[in-house]
Amino acid sequence: MNIQIRRLTPADAELQKELIYIALWDHPDEPRRPVNVLEHPVVRAYYEDWGREGDIGLLAVSNDRPAGFIQLRTKECVTEEYASFPELSIAVFPEFHRQGVAGILWNALCEEARDQFPGVRLGVHPRNDAAITLYKKLGFTVYAHPPGAYPQMVLHFE
């Protein structure tokens, strides 16, 4: 499979929202949250006014079709300790799963982000075992699990 990486731009807003919705993973035995969750202020913080200073977004494209995305944005954090670390969002369209797209996106993002940030952080659904396993393999560790919130993980760039 041939994957090209390009920058996520404000013109990609609808595609970015679609991929953020995919990133808002729900366990298969839970009802899928409604698409209007994208308008919730906490979720809008991931895409609203995209292109601000510090925003990094990359789109994977295969044969002129979007395959997935990865982005970093500095936003509200559950702890002061990691407030300067941008939050990672990543999603791959189902038809591109298990084809290395996430790894390609991750490597491309790290090349750029290492020089700008001390590390990255993310929240992950506690039942998303595949994602948690991947994040741990990449070197992420859990730094907080606030009541009513997803486990928060962090990776320090060396």
N, C-alpha and C. Protein backbone atom coordinates (compact mmCIF):
# COMPACT_ATOMS: atom_id res chain seq x y z
N MET A 1 0.85 -1.18 0.00
CA MET A 1 0.00 0.00 0.00
C MET A 1 0.89 1.23 0.00
N ASN A 2 0.54 2.18 -0.83
CA ASN A 2 1.28 3.43 -0.94
C ASN A 2 0.58 4.50 -0.12
N ILE A 3 1.27 5.03 0.89
CA ILE A 3 0.70 6.05 1.76
C ILE A 3 1.49 7.34 1.60
N GLN A 4 0.78 8.42 1.34
CA GLN A 4 1.39 9.75 1.36
C GLN A 4 0.89 10.46 2.62
N ILE A 5 1.74 11.31 3.16
CA ILE A 5 1.38 12.10 4.34
C ILE A 5 1.33 13.56 3.91
N ARG A 6 0.27 14.22 4.31
CA ARG A 6 0.17 15.66 4.07
C ARG A 6 -0.37 16.33 5.31
N ARG A 7 -0.21 17.64 5.36
CA ARG A 7 -0.68 18.43 6.50
C ARG A 7 -2.20 18.51 6.53
N LEU A 8 -2.74 18.49 7.72
CA LEU A 8 -4.15 18.75 7.95
C LEU A 8 -4.34 20.26 7.95
N THR A 9 -5.27 20.76 7.17
CA THR A 9 -5.49 22.20 7.06
C THR A 9 -6.92 22.55 7.48
N PRO A 10 -7.20 23.83 7.70
CA PRO A 10 -8.57 24.22 8.03
C PRO A 10 -9.58 23.79 6.95
N ALA A 11 -9.14 23.66 5.71
CA ALA A 11 -10.03 23.20 4.64
C ALA A 11 -10.47 21.75 4.84
N ASP A 12 -9.78 21.02 5.70
CA ASP A 12 -10.10 19.61 5.98
C ASP A 12 -11.06 19.46 7.17
N ALA A 13 -11.73 20.53 7.56
CA ALA A 13 -12.52 20.53 8.81
C ALA A 13 -13.53 19.39 8.89
N GLU A 14 -14.27 19.13 7.84
CA GLU A 14 -15.29 18.07 7.90
C GLU A 14 -14.64 16.69 8.00
N LEU A 15 -13.56 16.48 7.27
CA LEU A 15 -12.83 15.22 7.35
C LEU A 15 -12.22 15.06 8.74
N GLN A 16 -11.67 16.12 9.29
CA GLN A 16 -11.10 16.09 10.63
C GLN A 16 -12.17 15.70 11.65
N LYS A 17 -13.35 16.28 11.54
CA LYS A 17 -14.44 15.95 12.46
C LYS A 17 -14.84 14.48 12.32
N GLU A 18 -14.90 13.99 11.09
CA GLU A 18 -15.25 12.58 10.86
C GLU A 18 -14.23 11.66 11.54
N LEU A 19 -12.96 12.00 11.43
CA LEU A 19 -11.92 11.19 12.03
C LEU A 19 -11.90 11.33 13.56
N ILE A 20 -12.20 12.50 14.07
CA ILE A 20 -12.31 12.66 15.53
C ILE A 20 -13.45 11.79 16.05
N TYR A 21 -14.55 11.72 15.31
CA TYR A 21 -15.66 10.86 15.72
C TYR A 21 -15.21 9.40 15.79
N ILE A 22 -14.40 8.97 14.83
CA ILE A 22 -13.86 7.60 14.87
C ILE A 22 -12.95 7.44 16.09
N ALA A 23 -12.15 8.46 16.37
CA ALA A 23 -11.24 8.40 17.53
C ALA A 23 -12.00 8.32 18.84
N LEU A 24 -13.22 8.81 18.87
CA LEU A 24 -14.06 8.71 20.08
C LEU A 24 -14.66 7.30 20.13
N TRP A 25 -13.81 6.36 20.30
CA TRP A 25 -14.12 4.95 20.24
C TRP A 25 -15.13 4.56 21.31
N ASP A 26 -16.08 3.72 20.94
CA ASP A 26 -17.02 3.11 21.88
C ASP A 26 -16.85 1.60 21.81
N HIS A 27 -16.91 0.95 22.95
CA HIS A 27 -16.80 -0.51 22.98
C HIS A 27 -17.95 -1.13 22.17
N PRO A 28 -17.68 -2.22 21.46
CA PRO A 28 -18.73 -2.82 20.63
C PRO A 28 -20.01 -3.19 21.37
N ASP A 29 -19.95 -3.46 22.68
CA ASP A 29 -21.18 -3.79 23.39
C ASP A 29 -21.84 -2.57 24.03
N GLU A 30 -21.33 -1.39 23.71
CA GLU A 30 -21.94 -0.13 24.16
C GLU A 30 -22.60 0.54 22.97
N PRO A 31 -23.68 1.29 23.20
CA PRO A 31 -24.26 2.02 22.07
C PRO A 31 -23.28 3.08 21.55
N ARG A 32 -23.25 3.23 20.24
CA ARG A 32 -22.38 4.25 19.63
C ARG A 32 -22.95 5.62 19.99
N ARG A 33 -22.06 6.49 20.46
CA ARG A 33 -22.53 7.83 20.81
C ARG A 33 -23.01 8.55 19.55
N PRO A 34 -23.97 9.46 19.70
CA PRO A 34 -24.50 10.17 18.52
C PRO A 34 -23.45 11.11 17.92
N VAL A 35 -23.57 11.33 16.62
CA VAL A 35 -22.62 12.18 15.90
C VAL A 35 -22.61 13.60 16.46
N ASN A 36 -23.73 14.04 17.02
CA ASN A 36 -23.76 15.42 17.54
C ASN A 36 -22.86 15.62 18.75
N VAL A 37 -22.21 14.55 19.24
CA VAL A 37 -21.20 14.71 20.29
C VAL A 37 -20.08 15.63 19.80
N LEU A 38 -19.91 15.71 18.48
CA LEU A 38 -18.88 16.57 17.90
C LEU A 38 -19.12 18.05 18.23
N GLU A 39 -20.34 18.39 18.59
CA GLU A 39 -20.64 19.79 18.93
C GLU A 39 -20.49 20.08 20.42
N HIS A 40 -20.20 19.07 21.22
CA HIS A 40 -19.98 19.28 22.64
C HIS A 40 -18.70 20.11 22.82
N PRO A 41 -18.69 21.10 23.72
CA PRO A 41 -17.51 21.96 23.87
C PRO A 41 -16.21 21.21 24.12
N VAL A 42 -16.26 20.11 24.87
CA VAL A 42 -15.04 19.34 25.14
C VAL A 42 -14.50 18.73 23.85
N VAL A 43 -15.38 18.27 22.98
CA VAL A 43 -14.96 17.67 21.72
C VAL A 43 -14.58 18.75 20.70
N ARG A 44 -15.34 19.82 20.66
CA ARG A 44 -15.00 20.93 19.74
C ARG A 44 -13.60 21.45 19.98
N ALA A 45 -13.12 21.35 21.20
CA ALA A 45 -11.77 21.83 21.53
C ALA A 45 -10.69 21.12 20.71
N TYR A 46 -11.01 19.96 20.15
CA TYR A 46 -10.04 19.23 19.33
C TYR A 46 -9.90 19.80 17.92
N TYR A 47 -10.92 20.50 17.42
CA TYR A 47 -10.87 20.94 16.03
C TYR A 47 -11.19 22.41 15.80
N GLU A 48 -11.86 23.05 16.73
CA GLU A 48 -12.28 24.43 16.53
C GLU A 48 -11.09 25.35 16.29
N ASP A 49 -11.20 26.22 15.31
CA ASP A 49 -10.13 27.16 14.95
C ASP A 49 -8.82 26.43 14.66
N TRP A 50 -8.91 25.33 13.92
CA TRP A 50 -7.71 24.55 13.61
C TRP A 50 -6.69 25.41 12.89
N GLY A 51 -5.43 25.20 13.24
CA GLY A 51 -4.33 25.94 12.63
C GLY A 51 -3.71 26.95 13.58
N ARG A 52 -4.13 26.89 14.84
CA ARG A 52 -3.53 27.78 15.84
C ARG A 52 -2.06 27.41 16.03
N GLU A 53 -1.33 28.34 16.63
CA GLU A 53 0.07 28.08 16.92
C GLU A 53 0.19 26.80 17.75
N GLY A 54 1.08 25.91 17.34
CA GLY A 54 1.30 24.66 18.05
C GLY A 54 0.48 23.49 17.53
N ASP A 55 -0.57 23.75 16.74
CA ASP A 55 -1.35 22.65 16.17
C ASP A 55 -0.50 21.91 15.14
N ILE A 56 -0.49 20.60 15.25
CA ILE A 56 0.16 19.76 14.24
C ILE A 56 -0.86 18.70 13.85
N GLY A 57 -1.12 18.60 12.58
CA GLY A 57 -2.04 17.58 12.09
C GLY A 57 -1.54 17.00 10.78
N LEU A 58 -1.60 15.69 10.68
CA LEU A 58 -1.15 15.00 9.48
C LEU A 58 -2.25 14.06 9.00
N LEU A 59 -2.38 13.97 7.70
CA LEU A 59 -3.39 13.12 7.08
C LEU A 59 -2.68 12.08 6.22
N ALA A 60 -3.03 10.82 6.41
CA ALA A 60 -2.52 9.74 5.56
C ALA A 60 -3.48 9.55 4.40
N VAL A 61 -2.93 9.49 3.20
CA VAL A 61 -3.74 9.34 1.99
C VAL A 61 -3.21 8.14 1.20
N SER A 62 -4.14 7.30 0.74
CA SER A 62 -3.80 6.15 -0.08
C SER A 62 -4.64 6.20 -1.35
N ASN A 63 -3.97 6.29 -2.49
CA ASN A 63 -4.68 6.36 -3.78
C ASN A 63 -5.75 7.45 -3.77
N ASP A 64 -5.36 8.62 -3.31
CA ASP A 64 -6.24 9.80 -3.25
C ASP A 64 -7.41 9.66 -2.28
N ARG A 65 -7.37 8.64 -1.41
CA ARG A 65 -8.42 8.45 -0.40
C ARG A 65 -7.82 8.66 0.98
N PRO A 66 -8.49 9.41 1.85
CA PRO A 66 -8.00 9.54 3.22
C PRO A 66 -8.00 8.19 3.91
N ALA A 67 -6.91 7.88 4.59
CA ALA A 67 -6.79 6.61 5.32
C ALA A 67 -6.86 6.82 6.82
N GLY A 68 -6.38 7.96 7.30
CA GLY A 68 -6.38 8.24 8.73
C GLY A 68 -5.71 9.56 9.01
N PHE A 69 -5.71 9.93 10.28
CA PHE A 69 -5.07 11.17 10.68
C PHE A 69 -4.47 11.04 12.05
N ILE A 70 -3.59 12.00 12.35
CA ILE A 70 -3.03 12.14 13.68
C ILE A 70 -2.88 13.64 13.92
N GLN A 71 -3.15 14.06 15.13
CA GLN A 71 -3.01 15.48 15.42
C GLN A 71 -2.58 15.69 16.86
N LEU A 72 -1.96 16.84 17.06
CA LEU A 72 -1.61 17.32 18.39
C LEU A 72 -2.18 18.70 18.58
N ARG A 73 -2.72 18.94 19.76
CA ARG A 73 -3.21 20.26 20.11
C ARG A 73 -3.06 20.44 21.61
N THR A 74 -2.49 21.57 22.01
CA THR A 74 -2.40 21.88 23.43
C THR A 74 -3.77 22.39 23.87
N LYS A 75 -4.33 21.72 24.86
CA LYS A 75 -5.66 22.05 25.37
C LYS A 75 -5.73 21.71 26.84
N GLU A 76 -6.89 21.88 27.42
CA GLU A 76 -7.07 21.64 28.85
C GLU A 76 -6.55 20.26 29.25
N CYS A 77 -5.95 20.21 30.43
CA CYS A 77 -5.36 18.98 30.94
C CYS A 77 -5.88 18.71 32.35
N VAL A 78 -5.99 17.43 32.72
CA VAL A 78 -6.50 17.08 34.04
C VAL A 78 -5.47 17.33 35.15
N THR A 79 -4.20 17.50 34.78
CA THR A 79 -3.18 17.80 35.77
C THR A 79 -2.33 18.98 35.29
N GLU A 80 -1.83 19.74 36.22
CA GLU A 80 -0.94 20.85 35.88
C GLU A 80 0.39 20.34 35.34
N GLU A 81 0.82 19.20 35.84
CA GLU A 81 2.11 18.64 35.48
C GLU A 81 2.30 18.46 33.97
N TYR A 82 1.24 18.09 33.27
CA TYR A 82 1.34 17.82 31.83
C TYR A 82 0.57 18.83 30.98
N ALA A 83 0.24 19.96 31.53
CA ALA A 83 -0.52 20.97 30.79
C ALA A 83 0.22 21.48 29.56
N SER A 84 1.55 21.45 29.57
CA SER A 84 2.31 21.92 28.41
C SER A 84 2.47 20.84 27.33
N PHE A 85 2.02 19.64 27.61
CA PHE A 85 2.10 18.56 26.63
C PHE A 85 0.84 18.60 25.76
N PRO A 86 0.97 18.62 24.44
CA PRO A 86 -0.23 18.60 23.61
C PRO A 86 -0.92 17.24 23.68
N GLU A 87 -2.22 17.27 23.38
CA GLU A 87 -3.00 16.03 23.41
C GLU A 87 -3.04 15.42 22.01
N LEU A 88 -2.81 14.13 21.98
CA LEU A 88 -2.78 13.35 20.74
C LEU A 88 -4.17 12.83 20.41
N SER A 89 -4.53 12.92 19.15
CA SER A 89 -5.72 12.25 18.60
C SER A 89 -5.28 11.49 17.37
N ILE A 90 -5.76 10.28 17.24
CA ILE A 90 -5.40 9.46 16.08
C ILE A 90 -6.58 8.59 15.71
N ALA A 91 -6.81 8.44 14.42
CA ALA A 91 -7.87 7.54 13.94
C ALA A 91 -7.50 7.07 12.54
N VAL A 92 -7.90 5.85 12.25
CA VAL A 92 -7.70 5.26 10.94
C VAL A 92 -9.06 4.71 10.49
N PHE A 93 -9.43 5.00 9.25
CA PHE A 93 -10.68 4.46 8.73
C PHE A 93 -10.62 2.93 8.77
N PRO A 94 -11.74 2.28 9.11
CA PRO A 94 -11.74 0.82 9.30
C PRO A 94 -11.15 0.03 8.13
N GLU A 95 -11.39 0.47 6.90
CA GLU A 95 -10.87 -0.29 5.76
C GLU A 95 -9.34 -0.25 5.65
N PHE A 96 -8.71 0.61 6.47
CA PHE A 96 -7.24 0.71 6.47
C PHE A 96 -6.62 0.15 7.75
N HIS A 97 -7.45 -0.46 8.62
CA HIS A 97 -6.91 -1.05 9.85
C HIS A 97 -5.93 -2.17 9.52
N ARG A 98 -4.96 -2.33 10.41
CA ARG A 98 -3.97 -3.42 10.35
C ARG A 98 -3.14 -3.38 9.06
N GLN A 99 -2.91 -2.16 8.56
CA GLN A 99 -2.08 -2.00 7.36
C GLN A 99 -0.90 -1.06 7.62
N GLY A 100 -0.67 -0.72 8.89
CA GLY A 100 0.48 0.10 9.24
C GLY A 100 0.27 1.59 9.16
N VAL A 101 -0.95 2.03 8.91
CA VAL A 101 -1.23 3.46 8.75
C VAL A 101 -0.94 4.21 10.04
N ALA A 102 -1.39 3.69 11.16
CA ALA A 102 -1.17 4.38 12.44
C ALA A 102 0.32 4.53 12.73
N GLY A 103 1.10 3.50 12.45
CA GLY A 103 2.54 3.58 12.67
C GLY A 103 3.22 4.61 11.79
N ILE A 104 2.80 4.68 10.53
CA ILE A 104 3.35 5.68 9.61
C ILE A 104 3.01 7.08 10.12
N LEU A 105 1.77 7.28 10.53
CA LEU A 105 1.36 8.58 11.06
C LEU A 105 2.14 8.93 12.33
N TRP A 106 2.26 7.97 13.23
CA TRP A 106 2.97 8.19 14.49
C TRP A 106 4.42 8.60 14.23
N ASN A 107 5.10 7.88 13.36
CA ASN A 107 6.51 8.20 13.07
C ASN A 107 6.65 9.58 12.45
N ALA A 108 5.76 9.93 11.54
CA ALA A 108 5.82 11.25 10.91
C ALA A 108 5.56 12.36 11.94
N LEU A 109 4.61 12.13 12.82
CA LEU A 109 4.31 13.13 13.85
C LEU A 109 5.48 13.30 14.80
N CYS A 110 6.08 12.20 15.23
CA CYS A 110 7.21 12.28 16.17
C CYS A 110 8.37 13.06 15.59
N GLU A 111 8.64 12.88 14.32
CA GLU A 111 9.73 13.63 13.68
C GLU A 111 9.56 15.13 13.87
N GLU A 112 8.33 15.58 13.76
CA GLU A 112 8.05 17.00 13.88
C GLU A 112 7.90 17.45 15.33
N ALA A 113 7.23 16.67 16.13
CA ALA A 113 6.86 17.10 17.48
C ALA A 113 8.02 17.06 18.48
N ARG A 114 8.96 16.17 18.30
CA ARG A 114 10.07 16.02 19.25
C ARG A 114 10.81 17.33 19.51
N ASP A 115 10.93 18.15 18.49
CA ASP A 115 11.67 19.41 18.63
C ASP A 115 10.81 20.54 19.21
N GLN A 116 9.52 20.32 19.32
CA GLN A 116 8.62 21.38 19.77
C GLN A 116 8.04 21.17 21.17
N PHE A 117 7.94 19.92 21.60
CA PHE A 117 7.24 19.61 22.84
C PHE A 117 8.05 18.62 23.69
N PRO A 118 7.84 18.65 25.02
CA PRO A 118 8.55 17.69 25.88
C PRO A 118 7.97 16.27 25.78
N GLY A 119 6.78 16.17 25.25
CA GLY A 119 6.12 14.88 25.12
C GLY A 119 4.70 15.10 24.65
N VAL A 120 3.90 14.03 24.68
CA VAL A 120 2.50 14.10 24.29
C VAL A 120 1.66 13.32 25.29
N ARG A 121 0.38 13.63 25.32
CA ARG A 121 -0.53 12.95 26.23
C ARG A 121 -1.81 12.59 25.48
N LEU A 122 -2.61 11.74 26.08
CA LEU A 122 -3.88 11.35 25.48
C LEU A 122 -4.78 10.75 26.54
N GLY A 123 -6.05 10.69 26.23
CA GLY A 123 -7.02 9.95 27.02
C GLY A 123 -7.49 8.77 26.18
N VAL A 124 -7.74 7.64 26.83
CA VAL A 124 -8.13 6.44 26.09
C VAL A 124 -9.26 5.74 26.82
N HIS A 125 -10.23 5.27 26.04
CA HIS A 125 -11.36 4.52 26.61
C HIS A 125 -10.79 3.34 27.40
N PRO A 126 -11.23 3.15 28.64
CA PRO A 126 -10.65 2.09 29.48
C PRO A 126 -10.86 0.68 28.94
N ARG A 127 -11.80 0.51 28.01
CA ARG A 127 -12.03 -0.82 27.44
C ARG A 127 -11.43 -0.98 26.04
N ASN A 128 -10.67 0.02 25.59
CA ASN A 128 -10.04 -0.07 24.28
C ASN A 128 -8.68 -0.75 24.44
N ASP A 129 -8.73 -2.06 24.65
CA ASP A 129 -7.52 -2.82 24.94
C ASP A 129 -6.49 -2.74 23.83
N ALA A 130 -6.93 -2.74 22.57
CA ALA A 130 -5.98 -2.69 21.46
C ALA A 130 -5.20 -1.36 21.49
N ALA A 131 -5.90 -0.26 21.72
CA ALA A 131 -5.24 1.05 21.77
C ALA A 131 -4.30 1.14 22.98
N ILE A 132 -4.77 0.68 24.13
CA ILE A 132 -3.93 0.75 25.33
C ILE A 132 -2.66 -0.07 25.14
N THR A 133 -2.79 -1.25 24.54
CA THR A 133 -1.62 -2.09 24.27
C THR A 133 -0.66 -1.38 23.33
N LEU A 134 -1.19 -0.78 22.28
CA LEU A 134 -0.34 -0.04 21.33
C LEU A 134 0.36 1.12 22.03
N TYR A 135 -0.38 1.91 22.80
CA TYR A 135 0.22 3.07 23.46
C TYR A 135 1.32 2.65 24.43
N LYS A 136 1.09 1.57 25.18
CA LYS A 136 2.13 1.08 26.09
C LYS A 136 3.35 0.61 25.32
N LYS A 137 3.13 -0.04 24.19
CA LYS A 137 4.24 -0.50 23.35
C LYS A 137 5.07 0.69 22.85
N LEU A 138 4.40 1.81 22.59
CA LEU A 138 5.09 3.02 22.14
C LEU A 138 5.81 3.75 23.27
N GLY A 139 5.51 3.36 24.53
CA GLY A 139 6.18 3.98 25.67
C GLY A 139 5.29 4.87 26.52
N PHE A 140 4.00 4.94 26.24
CA PHE A 140 3.09 5.72 27.06
C PHE A 140 2.87 5.03 28.41
N THR A 141 2.66 5.83 29.45
CA THR A 141 2.30 5.32 30.77
C THR A 141 1.09 6.10 31.28
N VAL A 142 0.31 5.48 32.15
CA VAL A 142 -0.86 6.15 32.74
C VAL A 142 -0.36 7.11 33.81
N TYR A 143 -0.82 8.36 33.76
CA TYR A 143 -0.43 9.34 34.77
C TYR A 143 -1.62 9.78 35.62
N ALA A 144 -2.83 9.52 35.17
CA ALA A 144 -4.01 9.89 35.96
C ALA A 144 -5.21 9.10 35.44
N HIS A 145 -6.14 8.84 36.35
CA HIS A 145 -7.42 8.26 35.96
C HIS A 145 -8.49 8.89 36.85
N PRO A 146 -8.87 10.14 36.52
CA PRO A 146 -9.84 10.86 37.34
C PRO A 146 -11.21 10.17 37.32
N PRO A 147 -11.95 10.26 38.41
CA PRO A 147 -13.29 9.67 38.44
C PRO A 147 -14.15 10.22 37.29
N GLY A 148 -14.82 9.32 36.59
CA GLY A 148 -15.71 9.73 35.51
C GLY A 148 -14.99 10.12 34.22
N ALA A 149 -13.69 9.95 34.17
CA ALA A 149 -12.92 10.30 32.98
C ALA A 149 -12.13 9.10 32.50
N TYR A 150 -11.62 9.21 31.28
CA TYR A 150 -10.79 8.14 30.73
C TYR A 150 -9.40 8.17 31.35
N PRO A 151 -8.73 7.01 31.38
CA PRO A 151 -7.33 7.02 31.80
C PRO A 151 -6.53 7.97 30.92
N GLN A 152 -5.63 8.71 31.55
CA GLN A 152 -4.78 9.67 30.85
C GLN A 152 -3.38 9.09 30.77
N MET A 153 -2.82 9.11 29.56
CA MET A 153 -1.49 8.53 29.34
C MET A 153 -0.56 9.60 28.81
N VAL A 154 0.73 9.41 29.07
CA VAL A 154 1.74 10.37 28.66
C VAL A 154 2.97 9.65 28.11
N LEU A 155 3.61 10.31 27.16
CA LEU A 155 4.88 9.84 26.62
C LEU A 155 5.84 11.02 26.64
N HIS A 156 6.99 10.82 27.26
CA HIS A 156 8.04 11.85 27.28
C HIS A 156 8.96 11.59 26.11
N PHE A 157 9.23 12.63 25.32
CA PHE A 157 10.25 12.51 24.28
C PHE A 157 11.61 12.54 24.93
N GLU A 158 12.52 11.74 24.44
CA GLU A 158 13.85 11.68 25.03
C GLU A 158 14.79 12.62 24.31
